[in-house]
Amino acid sequence: MKPTVSIDQCFILFLEHGKPTPSDDELCVLERLRLFALELAIPSHTLDLPLLQTNNVAAVLQTAIGAAKSRGFPKVLIAGGSLEKDVTVIAMNGLAEGFDVFLLGDTFVQPDSSYSNLYWNRLIQAGVVPTTLVQMIAEWIASDADAAKSQKIKTNAERFELIENY
């Protein structure tokens, strides 16, 4: 796997627990990321959760993973959801389907338990790449040889308040 990730290789899988409720002052990070993705035409799919309460988990996962697979994207970025429930299950299934899976750790709910390291260690052991939204955007900016495209990524990331003065 190349050390940096190009924006052209990515598919974003948004995990949602109902409609987000942004504060009066700002949109939540997932909504800002969704607007950023729309502006830059980054392919994405939204999966309504909670996944583990769904009657047919396998079918739901196939729908989500199939959306990325049918478009030929090798890398899936997971944003939103809950680490101890949805994120782990989806990430493992993405790996099994042959994707490079990246977790945007600052976009989902972290468990409030002493078991948090167990989830992360298991995911890393399996091959999932943990990162942050800021780090992923920095890689997109740095990995694109097209200066105008890199500038567009940077400008929109700042516009949607995903990075500051990068």
Foldseek 3Di string as FASTA:
>chain_A
DDPFDALVQEEEEEEDAPDDDQDPVARAPVVLVVVLCVVLVRHYYYQYDPLVVDPDNPVSLCVRLVSCVVVPRQEYEYAEDELVGPPLVSLLVNVVVRHAYEYQVVRYHQDPDPCRVVSVVVSVVSRHHYDHLVVNLVSNLVVDPDPVVSVSSVVSCVVSVVDDPD
